[in-house]
Amino acid sequence: MKYVIVLGDGMADRPLEELEGMTPLEYAKTPNMDQLAAAGEIGMVHTIPDGMSPGSDTANLSVLGYDPKAYYSGRSPLEALSIGVDMKPTDVSLRCNLVTLSEEEENYQDKKILDHSSGEISTEDAAVLLEAVRKELETDIYKFYVGTSYRHLLIWDQGQVIDLTPPHDVLGQTIYQHLPKDAALLEMMKKSYAVLVNHPINIERKRQGLNPANSCWFWGAGTRPELSSFEEKTGKKGAMVSAVDLLKGIAVGASMKNIIVEGANGGLHTNYKGKAQAAVDILTKDDYDFVYVHVEAPDEMGHQGSVEKKVQAIQYLDECVIGPIKAGLEQAGAEFRMLVMPDHPTPVSLRTHTGDDVPYLLYDSARIENHSWNYNEKQAAESGNRVARGCEMIDYLIRT
């Protein structure tokens, strides 16, 4: 038996007037997911432990079977694992987003966050900008590392784990109340704006109508994580297919294989089909039992507040990931169980995450059922099935 999780990051949502009272998942054309739902099981699952922040870090740990209450030490340290930073026990890692701030205000604290991803800036352009920041701001205490797209890293020697606000939580808001209380971090953010606002790359981005990456924003502080091996935990040899450092870092910490797919970038136009083929290949051509296929696009479109693009991301996921994985495994003659779910909701009306329950879909190729339901939040809730602890879903997938 082979096992697959297809994780549509932030795919769950709330009913929207623009969609005649439906959610993007309910409104989207998803024939593959609906077919699997009718032949399998749907329900709701609570992925975020009560009292914890509804982030992709805690949620994806939960889906992979790692109780965030026991294993979570901060978001950025997981990304540090992916980048290859060997953190000392006394290091604190911070996410360093390249964000778009409004430019008309004279004082830094009066500016607003317009875009947490700087228009999904390319890694190549972001690396040039971060190098400019590094030359001006890096010291023996603070070290910068390039990640993917807008997502980068700051390592603070002998640092402190302090409360910092995720930029996607305050989109469109004045930043004054959300700035770091730590004077050194705040000063670096201010200086990064001075370095970046008139950088040639940003001048060109504005000329093209793109959002400039004009400031660093620090958040997600934490210490070196200690994850147990996924294979030892589940008895299954696992692999990760993802374009984002957070998920790749979780895979490193869990001793899973990271599969790099050319053209996968975490955006709306990522290489969906390449991810699907990579998943099929690792399960049918290599000695692997489990693959986790993570697709970031629904979450990014939720943060952008775009109903149309979120629907499109969900349809791409259905057509170019779920359909081809099912077909590829069937063609190979493999029996498989597939779990499809979000990690958390990212409602377009809020443009940030919530800790609400999310719908799951569980399909077993060896145990076909016959139902009339489709896969969406409404029908999953009406099914009466509910898993109260997200970290138990992996056992439900593998051992049920």
Protein backbone atom coordinates (compact mmCIF):
# COMPACT_ATOMS: atom_id res chain seq x y z
CA MET A 1 0.00 0.00 0.00
CA LYS A 2 1.23 3.50 -0.92
CA TYR A 3 0.21 6.63 0.98
CA VAL A 4 -0.23 10.19 -0.32
CA ILE A 5 -1.16 13.46 1.35
CA VAL A 6 -2.03 16.32 -1.00
CA LEU A 7 -2.02 19.48 1.08
CA GLY A 8 -3.70 22.55 -0.41
CA ASP A 9 -2.25 25.23 1.84
CA GLY A 10 -4.93 27.61 3.11
CA MET A 11 -7.50 26.06 0.75
CA ALA A 12 -10.40 26.20 3.25
CA ASP A 13 -12.42 29.40 3.44
CA ARG A 14 -15.75 30.91 4.42
CA PRO A 15 -18.93 31.50 2.34
CA LEU A 16 -18.66 34.55 0.10
CA GLU A 17 -21.34 36.75 -1.40
CA GLU A 18 -19.32 36.97 -4.63
CA LEU A 19 -19.70 33.20 -4.95
CA GLU A 20 -23.43 33.10 -4.18
CA GLY A 21 -22.81 32.08 -0.59
CA MET A 22 -20.31 29.34 -1.45
CA THR A 23 -16.68 28.98 -0.42
CA PRO A 24 -13.96 28.95 -3.11
CA LEU A 25 -13.60 25.18 -2.61
CA GLU A 26 -17.35 24.68 -2.97
CA TYR A 27 -17.53 26.97 -6.02
CA ALA A 28 -14.47 25.65 -7.85
CA LYS A 29 -14.79 22.93 -10.49
CA THR A 30 -13.08 19.97 -8.81
CA PRO A 31 -14.22 16.78 -10.57
CA ASN A 32 -11.29 14.71 -9.33
CA MET A 33 -11.74 15.61 -5.67
CA ASP A 34 -15.48 15.12 -5.94
CA GLN A 35 -15.01 11.69 -7.52
CA LEU A 36 -12.66 10.66 -4.71
CA ALA A 37 -15.07 12.01 -2.11
CA ALA A 38 -17.97 10.00 -3.52
CA ALA A 39 -15.83 6.86 -3.38
CA GLY A 40 -14.24 7.58 -0.01
CA GLU A 41 -14.78 9.51 3.20
CA ILE A 42 -15.05 13.19 4.02
CA GLY A 43 -15.10 14.99 7.34
CA MET A 44 -13.63 17.81 9.38
CA VAL A 45 -10.37 17.95 11.30
CA HIS A 46 -9.01 20.38 13.89
CA THR A 47 -5.36 20.92 12.91
CA ILE A 48 -4.41 23.80 15.23
CA PRO A 49 -4.14 22.94 18.94
CA ASP A 50 -6.20 25.31 21.08
CA GLY A 51 -4.15 28.27 22.22
CA MET A 52 -1.61 28.06 19.38
CA SER A 53 -1.26 30.42 16.43
CA PRO A 54 -2.91 29.14 13.20
CA GLY A 55 0.21 29.08 11.08
CA SER A 56 1.38 26.78 8.30
CA ASP A 57 4.16 25.71 10.65
CA THR A 58 1.97 24.36 13.45
CA ALA A 59 -0.65 23.06 11.01
CA ASN A 60 1.69 21.10 8.74
CA LEU A 61 3.53 19.63 11.72
CA SER A 62 0.13 18.49 12.93
CA VAL A 63 -0.87 16.92 9.61
CA LEU A 64 2.43 15.01 9.50
CA GLY A 65 1.73 13.58 12.94
CA TYR A 66 3.91 15.85 15.08
CA ASP A 67 1.90 17.36 17.92
CA PRO A 68 2.83 21.07 17.81
CA LYS A 69 2.44 21.26 21.58
CA ALA A 70 5.41 18.89 21.87
CA TYR A 71 7.51 19.63 18.78
CA TYR A 72 7.03 23.28 17.79
CA SER A 73 9.92 25.63 18.56
CA GLY A 74 9.15 28.43 16.10
CA ARG A 75 8.58 28.75 12.35
CA SER A 76 11.86 30.17 11.18
CA PRO A 77 14.05 27.40 12.66
CA LEU A 78 12.23 24.89 10.45
CA GLU A 79 13.10 27.01 7.43
CA ALA A 80 16.70 27.20 8.62
CA LEU A 81 16.88 23.41 8.32
CA SER A 82 15.83 23.67 4.68
CA ILE A 83 18.34 26.39 3.88
CA GLY A 84 21.07 24.31 5.53
CA VAL A 85 21.92 26.57 8.45
CA ASP A 86 23.44 24.59 11.30
CA MET A 87 21.94 26.42 14.26
CA LYS A 88 23.73 26.44 17.60
CA PRO A 89 21.60 25.79 20.70
CA THR A 90 21.99 29.48 21.59
CA ASP A 91 20.92 30.77 18.16
CA VAL A 92 17.51 32.26 17.48
CA SER A 93 16.22 32.12 13.92
CA LEU A 94 13.82 34.72 12.49
CA ARG A 95 11.93 34.79 9.21
CA CYS A 96 13.00 37.78 7.15
CA ASN A 97 10.27 38.63 4.66
CA LEU A 98 10.93 41.10 1.89
CA VAL A 99 7.70 43.11 2.04
CA THR A 100 6.12 46.03 0.25
CA LEU A 101 5.54 49.08 2.46
CA SER A 102 3.76 52.26 1.38
CA GLU A 103 6.27 54.95 0.45
CA GLU A 104 4.42 58.27 0.74
CA GLU A 105 4.76 58.56 4.55
CA GLU A 106 7.91 60.25 5.85
CA ASN A 107 8.23 58.24 9.08
CA TYR A 108 8.82 54.49 8.90
CA GLN A 109 6.33 53.71 11.67
CA ASP A 110 3.53 55.45 9.75
CA LYS A 111 3.82 53.21 6.71
CA LYS A 112 1.43 50.39 5.84
CA ILE A 113 2.12 46.81 4.73
CA LEU A 114 0.74 46.54 1.22
CA ASP A 115 2.09 43.11 0.31
CA HIS A 116 3.76 40.49 2.50
CA SER A 117 5.33 38.80 -0.56
CA SER A 118 6.42 41.78 -2.69
CA GLY A 119 4.38 40.51 -5.59
CA GLU A 120 5.79 36.98 -5.19
CA ILE A 121 9.23 38.31 -6.12
CA SER A 122 11.59 35.85 -7.78
CA THR A 123 14.33 34.25 -5.71
CA GLU A 124 16.91 35.66 -8.12
CA ASP A 125 15.84 39.28 -7.59
CA ALA A 126 15.31 38.75 -3.88
CA ALA A 127 18.84 37.37 -3.49
CA VAL A 128 20.31 40.55 -5.00
CA LEU A 129 18.25 42.72 -2.66
CA LEU A 130 19.11 40.67 0.41
CA GLU A 131 22.80 40.89 -0.49
CA ALA A 132 22.48 44.68 -0.48
CA VAL A 133 20.91 44.50 2.98
CA ARG A 134 23.55 42.05 4.19
CA LYS A 135 26.41 44.34 3.16
CA GLU A 136 24.95 47.19 5.19
CA LEU A 137 23.50 45.41 8.22
CA GLU A 138 25.19 42.05 8.82
CA THR A 139 27.39 41.73 11.92
CA ASP A 140 28.89 38.94 14.01
CA ILE A 141 25.58 38.86 15.91
CA TYR A 142 23.12 39.03 13.00
CA LYS A 143 23.58 36.88 9.88
CA PHE A 144 21.32 36.88 6.79
CA TYR A 145 20.62 33.85 4.59
CA VAL A 146 18.79 33.65 1.26
CA GLY A 147 15.68 31.47 1.12
CA THR A 148 13.00 31.25 -1.58
CA SER A 149 11.11 34.13 -3.21
CA TYR A 150 10.28 36.66 -0.46
CA ARG A 151 11.05 34.22 2.39
CA HIS A 152 14.50 34.63 3.95
CA LEU A 153 16.31 34.14 7.23
CA LEU A 154 18.07 36.04 9.99
CA ILE A 155 20.13 34.19 12.61
CA TRP A 156 20.60 36.04 15.90
CA ASP A 157 23.55 34.81 17.94
CA GLN A 158 22.69 34.52 21.65
CA GLY A 159 19.27 35.84 20.71
CA GLN A 160 15.90 35.89 22.41
CA VAL A 161 12.62 34.35 21.29
CA ILE A 162 10.36 37.39 21.29
CA ASP A 163 6.84 38.01 20.06
CA LEU A 164 6.83 39.34 16.50
CA THR A 165 3.86 39.95 14.20
CA PRO A 166 3.53 38.02 10.92
CA PRO A 167 3.21 40.56 8.09
CA HIS A 168 0.31 38.70 6.47
CA ASP A 169 -1.70 39.31 9.65
CA VAL A 170 -1.62 43.10 9.25
CA LEU A 171 -1.97 43.68 5.52
CA GLY A 172 -3.24 47.17 4.79
CA GLN A 173 -2.60 48.33 8.35
CA THR A 174 -0.25 50.97 9.70
CA ILE A 175 2.78 49.17 11.09
CA TYR A 176 3.37 51.29 14.20
CA GLN A 177 1.71 48.93 16.69
CA HIS A 178 3.19 45.84 15.05
CA LEU A 179 6.88 46.77 15.03
CA PRO A 180 9.42 44.82 17.13
CA LYS A 181 9.91 45.96 20.69
CA ASP A 182 13.57 45.00 20.35
CA ALA A 183 15.48 48.17 19.41
CA ALA A 184 18.14 46.42 17.31
CA LEU A 185 15.62 44.54 15.18
CA LEU A 186 13.54 47.67 14.68
CA GLU A 187 16.59 49.67 13.64
CA MET A 188 17.57 47.00 11.09
CA MET A 189 14.09 47.09 9.59
CA LYS A 190 14.27 50.88 9.26
CA LYS A 191 17.73 50.74 7.71
CA SER A 192 16.65 47.98 5.31
CA TYR A 193 14.01 50.35 3.93
CA ALA A 194 16.66 53.00 3.32
CA VAL A 195 18.81 50.43 1.50
CA LEU A 196 16.02 48.98 -0.62
CA VAL A 197 13.57 51.76 -1.45
CA ASN A 198 15.67 53.15 -4.32
CA HIS A 199 17.51 49.99 -5.27
CA PRO A 200 17.64 49.60 -9.08
CA ILE A 201 15.64 46.35 -8.93
CA ASN A 202 12.82 48.09 -7.08
CA ILE A 203 12.90 51.10 -9.39
CA GLU A 204 12.49 48.70 -12.30
CA ARG A 205 9.73 46.74 -10.52
CA LYS A 206 7.74 49.93 -9.98
CA ARG A 207 8.28 50.92 -13.62
CA GLN A 208 6.73 47.58 -14.59
CA GLY A 209 3.81 48.05 -12.20
CA LEU A 210 5.11 45.43 -9.75
CA ASN A 211 5.25 45.77 -5.98
CA PRO A 212 8.74 46.75 -4.77
CA ALA A 213 10.49 44.69 -2.10
CA ASN A 214 11.38 47.73 -0.06
CA SER A 215 11.78 46.50 3.53
CA CYS A 216 12.75 43.53 5.65
CA TRP A 217 10.18 42.29 8.15
CA PHE A 218 11.22 39.97 10.97
CA TRP A 219 8.91 37.39 12.54
CA GLY A 220 8.57 33.70 13.45
CA ALA A 221 11.40 33.60 16.01
CA GLY A 222 12.44 30.27 17.48
CA THR A 223 15.20 27.92 18.55
CA ARG A 224 16.63 24.80 16.92
CA PRO A 225 13.87 22.18 16.49
CA GLU A 226 14.15 18.53 17.50
CA LEU A 227 11.89 16.30 15.39
CA SER A 228 11.87 12.53 15.53
CA SER A 229 12.32 10.53 12.34
CA PHE A 230 9.13 10.14 10.29
CA GLU A 231 10.11 6.58 9.37
CA GLU A 232 10.71 5.61 12.98
CA LYS A 233 7.46 7.30 13.98
CA THR A 234 5.22 5.74 11.33
CA GLY A 235 7.14 2.81 9.90
CA LYS A 236 6.90 4.42 6.45
CA LYS A 237 9.72 5.78 4.30
CA GLY A 238 8.59 9.27 3.36
CA ALA A 239 9.32 12.06 0.88
CA MET A 240 8.29 15.72 0.62
CA VAL A 241 7.36 17.63 -2.54
CA SER A 242 7.18 21.36 -1.79
CA ALA A 243 8.51 24.66 -3.09
CA VAL A 244 8.68 26.45 0.27
CA ASP A 245 11.45 26.30 2.84
CA LEU A 246 9.10 25.69 5.77
CA LEU A 247 7.93 22.34 4.43
CA LYS A 248 11.36 21.38 3.18
CA GLY A 249 12.72 22.20 6.63
CA ILE A 250 10.12 20.01 8.33
CA ALA A 251 11.19 17.22 5.97
CA VAL A 252 14.86 17.68 6.89
CA GLY A 253 13.99 17.61 10.59
CA ALA A 254 11.90 14.46 10.10
CA SER A 255 14.62 12.75 8.01
CA MET A 256 12.37 12.63 4.94
CA LYS A 257 13.62 12.95 1.37
CA ASN A 258 13.13 16.37 -0.22
CA ILE A 259 12.23 16.22 -3.92
CA ILE A 260 13.09 19.39 -5.82
CA VAL A 261 10.79 20.03 -8.79
CA GLU A 262 12.01 22.42 -11.46
CA GLY A 263 9.67 25.38 -11.84
CA ALA A 264 7.97 24.86 -8.47
CA ASN A 265 7.87 28.28 -6.82
CA GLY A 266 4.98 28.41 -4.35
CA GLY A 267 2.96 30.75 -6.56
CA LEU A 268 -0.23 30.49 -8.59
CA HIS A 269 1.68 29.35 -11.67
CA THR A 270 3.89 26.77 -10.00
CA ASN A 271 4.77 23.50 -11.74
CA TYR A 272 1.74 21.52 -10.58
CA LYS A 273 2.17 18.69 -13.06
CA GLY A 274 5.84 18.34 -12.18
CA LYS A 275 4.91 17.92 -8.53
CA ALA A 276 2.34 15.25 -9.39
CA GLN A 277 4.82 13.33 -11.55
CA ALA A 278 7.47 13.53 -8.84
CA ALA A 279 5.01 12.05 -6.35
CA VAL A 280 4.09 9.19 -8.66
CA ASP A 281 7.74 8.46 -9.48
CA ILE A 282 8.91 8.36 -5.86
CA LEU A 283 6.16 5.90 -4.97
CA THR A 284 6.39 3.64 -8.04
CA LYS A 285 10.05 3.77 -9.10
CA ASP A 286 11.80 4.19 -5.74
CA ASP A 287 11.45 2.36 -2.46
CA TYR A 288 9.20 4.91 -0.76
CA ASP A 289 5.88 4.31 0.97
CA PHE A 290 4.65 7.86 1.58
CA VAL A 291 4.74 11.23 -0.15
CA TYR A 292 3.52 14.62 1.05
CA VAL A 293 2.65 16.97 -1.82
CA HIS A 294 2.36 20.54 -0.60
CA VAL A 295 0.85 23.27 -2.81
CA GLU A 296 1.18 26.82 -1.52
CA ALA A 297 -0.90 28.68 -4.12
CA PRO A 298 -4.36 28.68 -2.42
CA ASP A 299 -2.82 30.24 0.68
CA GLU A 300 -1.01 32.94 -1.28
CA MET A 301 -4.19 33.84 -3.16
CA GLY A 302 -6.07 34.01 0.15
CA HIS A 303 -3.48 36.45 1.47
CA GLN A 304 -3.88 38.51 -1.68
CA GLY A 305 -7.62 38.65 -1.08
CA SER A 306 -8.31 37.39 -4.60
CA VAL A 307 -11.44 35.24 -4.86
CA GLU A 308 -10.89 34.56 -8.56
CA LYS A 309 -7.27 33.48 -8.15
CA LYS A 310 -8.01 31.30 -5.13
CA VAL A 311 -10.68 29.45 -7.08
CA GLN A 312 -8.19 29.09 -9.93
CA ALA A 313 -5.51 27.72 -7.58
CA ILE A 314 -7.93 25.09 -6.26
CA GLN A 315 -8.90 24.08 -9.80
CA TYR A 316 -5.23 23.77 -10.78
CA LEU A 317 -4.67 21.57 -7.73
CA ASP A 318 -7.56 19.31 -8.74
CA GLU A 319 -6.74 19.09 -12.44
CA CYS A 320 -2.93 19.08 -12.39
CA VAL A 321 -2.04 17.38 -9.10
CA ILE A 322 -4.80 15.15 -7.74
CA GLY A 323 -6.03 13.80 -11.06
CA PRO A 324 -2.56 12.90 -12.38
CA ILE A 325 -1.44 11.31 -9.09
CA LYS A 326 -4.51 9.07 -9.02
CA ALA A 327 -4.11 8.15 -12.69
CA GLY A 328 -0.36 7.53 -12.35
CA LEU A 329 -0.70 5.23 -9.37
CA GLU A 330 -3.58 3.34 -11.00
CA GLN A 331 -1.58 2.92 -14.20
CA ALA A 332 1.31 1.52 -12.16
CA GLY A 333 -1.04 -0.97 -10.52
CA ALA A 334 -0.40 0.37 -7.04
CA GLU A 335 -2.93 0.19 -4.24
CA PHE A 336 -2.95 3.53 -2.44
CA ARG A 337 -4.63 5.67 0.17
CA MET A 338 -4.82 9.41 -0.52
CA LEU A 339 -5.62 12.15 2.00
CA VAL A 340 -6.56 15.55 0.58
CA MET A 341 -6.90 18.51 2.95
CA PRO A 342 -5.84 22.06 3.78
CA ASP A 343 -3.57 22.80 6.73
CA HIS A 344 -5.72 25.75 7.87
CA PRO A 345 -8.20 28.20 6.33
CA THR A 346 -6.96 31.42 4.72
CA PRO A 347 -10.23 33.29 4.13
CA VAL A 348 -9.95 35.85 1.33
CA SER A 349 -12.17 38.16 3.37
CA LEU A 350 -9.58 38.23 6.18
CA ARG A 351 -6.36 37.74 4.15
CA THR A 352 -4.83 35.78 7.02
CA HIS A 353 -5.09 32.37 8.70
CA THR A 354 -7.73 31.13 11.11
CA GLY A 355 -7.80 28.10 13.40
CA ASP A 356 -11.18 26.81 12.18
CA ASP A 357 -11.65 23.12 11.39
CA VAL A 358 -10.77 22.13 7.82
CA PRO A 359 -12.35 19.52 5.53
CA TYR A 360 -10.52 16.30 4.76
CA LEU A 361 -11.02 13.71 2.03
CA LEU A 362 -9.73 10.15 2.50
CA TYR A 363 -9.73 7.75 -0.45
CA ASP A 364 -8.69 4.09 -0.44
CA SER A 365 -8.23 2.48 -3.86
CA ALA A 366 -8.79 -0.95 -2.32
CA ARG A 367 -12.01 -0.03 -0.55
CA ILE A 368 -14.29 1.89 -2.89
CA GLU A 369 -17.45 3.29 -1.32
CA ASN A 370 -20.52 4.85 -2.88
CA HIS A 371 -21.71 8.24 -1.63
CA SER A 372 -23.41 11.26 -3.15
CA TRP A 373 -21.28 13.94 -1.54
CA ASN A 374 -18.72 16.35 -2.99
CA TYR A 375 -15.58 17.62 -1.27
CA ASN A 376 -16.10 21.00 0.40
CA GLU A 377 -16.45 22.53 3.84
CA LYS A 378 -20.24 22.36 3.98
CA GLN A 379 -20.65 18.71 3.04
CA ALA A 380 -17.63 17.64 5.11
CA ALA A 381 -19.25 19.21 8.18
CA GLU A 382 -22.61 17.60 7.35
CA SER A 383 -20.98 14.15 7.14
CA GLY A 384 -20.70 14.04 10.94
CA ASN A 385 -17.10 12.79 10.75
CA ARG A 386 -14.61 14.79 12.82
CA VAL A 387 -11.04 14.26 13.97
CA ALA A 388 -10.42 16.40 17.05
CA ARG A 389 -6.60 16.31 16.94
CA GLY A 390 -4.91 16.98 13.65
CA CYS A 391 -1.77 15.11 14.68
CA GLU A 392 -3.83 11.89 14.64
CA MET A 393 -4.68 12.19 10.92
CA ILE A 394 -1.44 10.48 9.87
CA ASP A 395 -2.36 7.39 11.87
CA TYR A 396 -5.87 7.55 10.43
CA LEU A 397 -4.35 7.57 6.94
CA ILE A 398 -1.81 4.81 7.49
CA ARG A 399 -3.40 2.49 10.01
CA THR A 400 -7.16 2.68 9.51
